[in-house]
Amino acid sequence: MTRTLLAVHAHPDDESTSTGGILAHYASLGTRIVLVTCTTGELGDAPNGAKPLHPRT
């Protein structure tokens, strides 16, 4: 039986900044990883304050 680790995050980059090491560790052990992202990140900030879906002027 393969184990499954379900990771639920609010924003699209949260898994890489908060639990990436844990996910990689368990994936290396053969654990099936399921990642759920609850938003598209449309309200987040990119570097230099750039907003997704809003072209820079």
C-alpha atoms as a PDB file:
ATOM      1  CA  MET A   1       0.000   0.000   0.000  1.00  0.00           C
ATOM      2  CA  THR A   2       1.397   3.402  -1.021  1.00  0.00           C
ATOM      3  CA  ARG A   3       1.058   6.194   1.495  1.00  0.00           C
ATOM      4  CA  THR A   4      -0.297   9.575   0.408  1.00  0.00           C
ATOM      5  CA  LEU A   5       0.655  12.937   1.858  1.00  0.00           C
ATOM      6  CA  LEU A   6      -1.925  15.662   1.253  1.00  0.00           C
ATOM      7  CA  ALA A   7      -0.548  19.208   1.432  1.00  0.00           C
ATOM      8  CA  VAL A   8      -3.056  22.066   1.420  1.00  0.00           C
ATOM      9  CA  HIS A   9      -1.765  25.608   0.919  1.00  0.00           C
ATOM     10  CA  ALA A  10      -3.479  28.954   0.465  1.00  0.00           C
ATOM     11  CA  HIS A  11      -1.178  30.388  -2.210  1.00  0.00           C
ATOM     12  CA  PRO A  12       0.595  28.946  -5.265  1.00  0.00           C
ATOM     13  CA  ASP A  13       4.154  29.350  -3.928  1.00  0.00           C
ATOM     14  CA  ASP A  14       3.545  28.363  -0.298  1.00  0.00           C
ATOM     15  CA  GLU A  15       4.646  24.773  -0.821  1.00  0.00           C
ATOM     16  CA  SER A  16       8.073  25.874  -2.012  1.00  0.00           C
ATOM     17  CA  THR A  17       8.612  28.438   0.737  1.00  0.00           C
ATOM     18  CA  SER A  18       7.194  26.504   3.665  1.00  0.00           C
ATOM     19  CA  THR A  19       6.993  22.738   3.124  1.00  0.00           C
ATOM     20  CA  GLY A  20       9.112  22.022   0.043  1.00  0.00           C
ATOM     21  CA  GLY A  21      11.734  20.095   2.000  1.00  0.00           C
ATOM     22  CA  ILE A  22       9.145  17.933   3.718  1.00  0.00           C
ATOM     23  CA  LEU A  23       7.393  17.169   0.428  1.00  0.00           C
ATOM     24  CA  ALA A  24      10.707  16.306  -1.261  1.00  0.00           C
ATOM     25  CA  HIS A  25      11.731  14.071   1.632  1.00  0.00           C
ATOM     26  CA  TYR A  26       8.549  12.024   1.596  1.00  0.00           C
ATOM     27  CA  ALA A  27       8.507  11.869  -2.205  1.00  0.00           C
ATOM     28  CA  SER A  28      12.033  10.393  -2.082  1.00  0.00           C
ATOM     29  CA  LEU A  29      10.686   7.663   0.202  1.00  0.00           C
ATOM     30  CA  GLY A  30       8.049   6.739  -2.379  1.00  0.00           C
ATOM     31  CA  THR A  31       5.141   8.592  -0.788  1.00  0.00           C
ATOM     32  CA  ARG A  32       2.512   9.851  -3.210  1.00  0.00           C
ATOM     33  CA  ILE A  33       2.256  13.653  -2.853  1.00  0.00           C
ATOM     34  CA  VAL A  34      -1.020  15.470  -3.532  1.00  0.00           C
ATOM     35  CA  LEU A  35      -0.797  19.265  -3.496  1.00  0.00           C
ATOM     36  CA  VAL A  36      -3.895  21.458  -3.191  1.00  0.00           C
ATOM     37  CA  THR A  37      -3.593  25.201  -3.784  1.00  0.00           C
ATOM     38  CA  CYS A  38      -6.677  27.140  -2.677  1.00  0.00           C
ATOM     39  CA  THR A  39      -6.165  30.351  -4.681  1.00  0.00           C
ATOM     40  CA  THR A  40      -4.592  31.313  -7.992  1.00  0.00           C
ATOM     41  CA  GLY A  41      -2.365  33.946  -6.409  1.00  0.00           C
ATOM     42  CA  GLU A  42      -4.115  36.793  -8.175  1.00  0.00           C
ATOM     43  CA  LEU A  43      -3.877  39.043  -5.115  1.00  0.00           C
ATOM     44  CA  GLY A  44      -0.244  38.333  -4.294  1.00  0.00           C
ATOM     45  CA  ASP A  45       2.806  40.487  -4.943  1.00  0.00           C
ATOM     46  CA  ALA A  46       5.662  39.534  -7.214  1.00  0.00           C
ATOM     47  CA  PRO A  47       9.154  41.047  -6.864  1.00  0.00           C
ATOM     48  CA  ASN A  48       9.190  44.852  -6.853  1.00  0.00           C
ATOM     49  CA  GLY A  49       5.474  44.972  -6.012  1.00  0.00           C
ATOM     50  CA  ALA A  50       4.299  43.631  -9.388  1.00  0.00           C
ATOM     51  CA  LYS A  51       0.763  42.243  -9.243  1.00  0.00           C
ATOM     52  CA  PRO A  52      -0.218  39.084 -11.130  1.00  0.00           C
ATOM     53  CA  LEU A  53      -2.649  39.740 -13.992  1.00  0.00           C
ATOM     54  CA  HIS A  54      -1.830  43.491 -13.944  1.00  0.00           C
ATOM     55  CA  PRO A  55       0.651  44.632 -16.581  1.00  0.00           C
ATOM     56  CA  ARG A  56       3.309  47.087 -15.444  1.00  0.00           C
ATOM     57  CA  THR A  57       2.853  50.604 -16.771  1.00  0.00           C
END
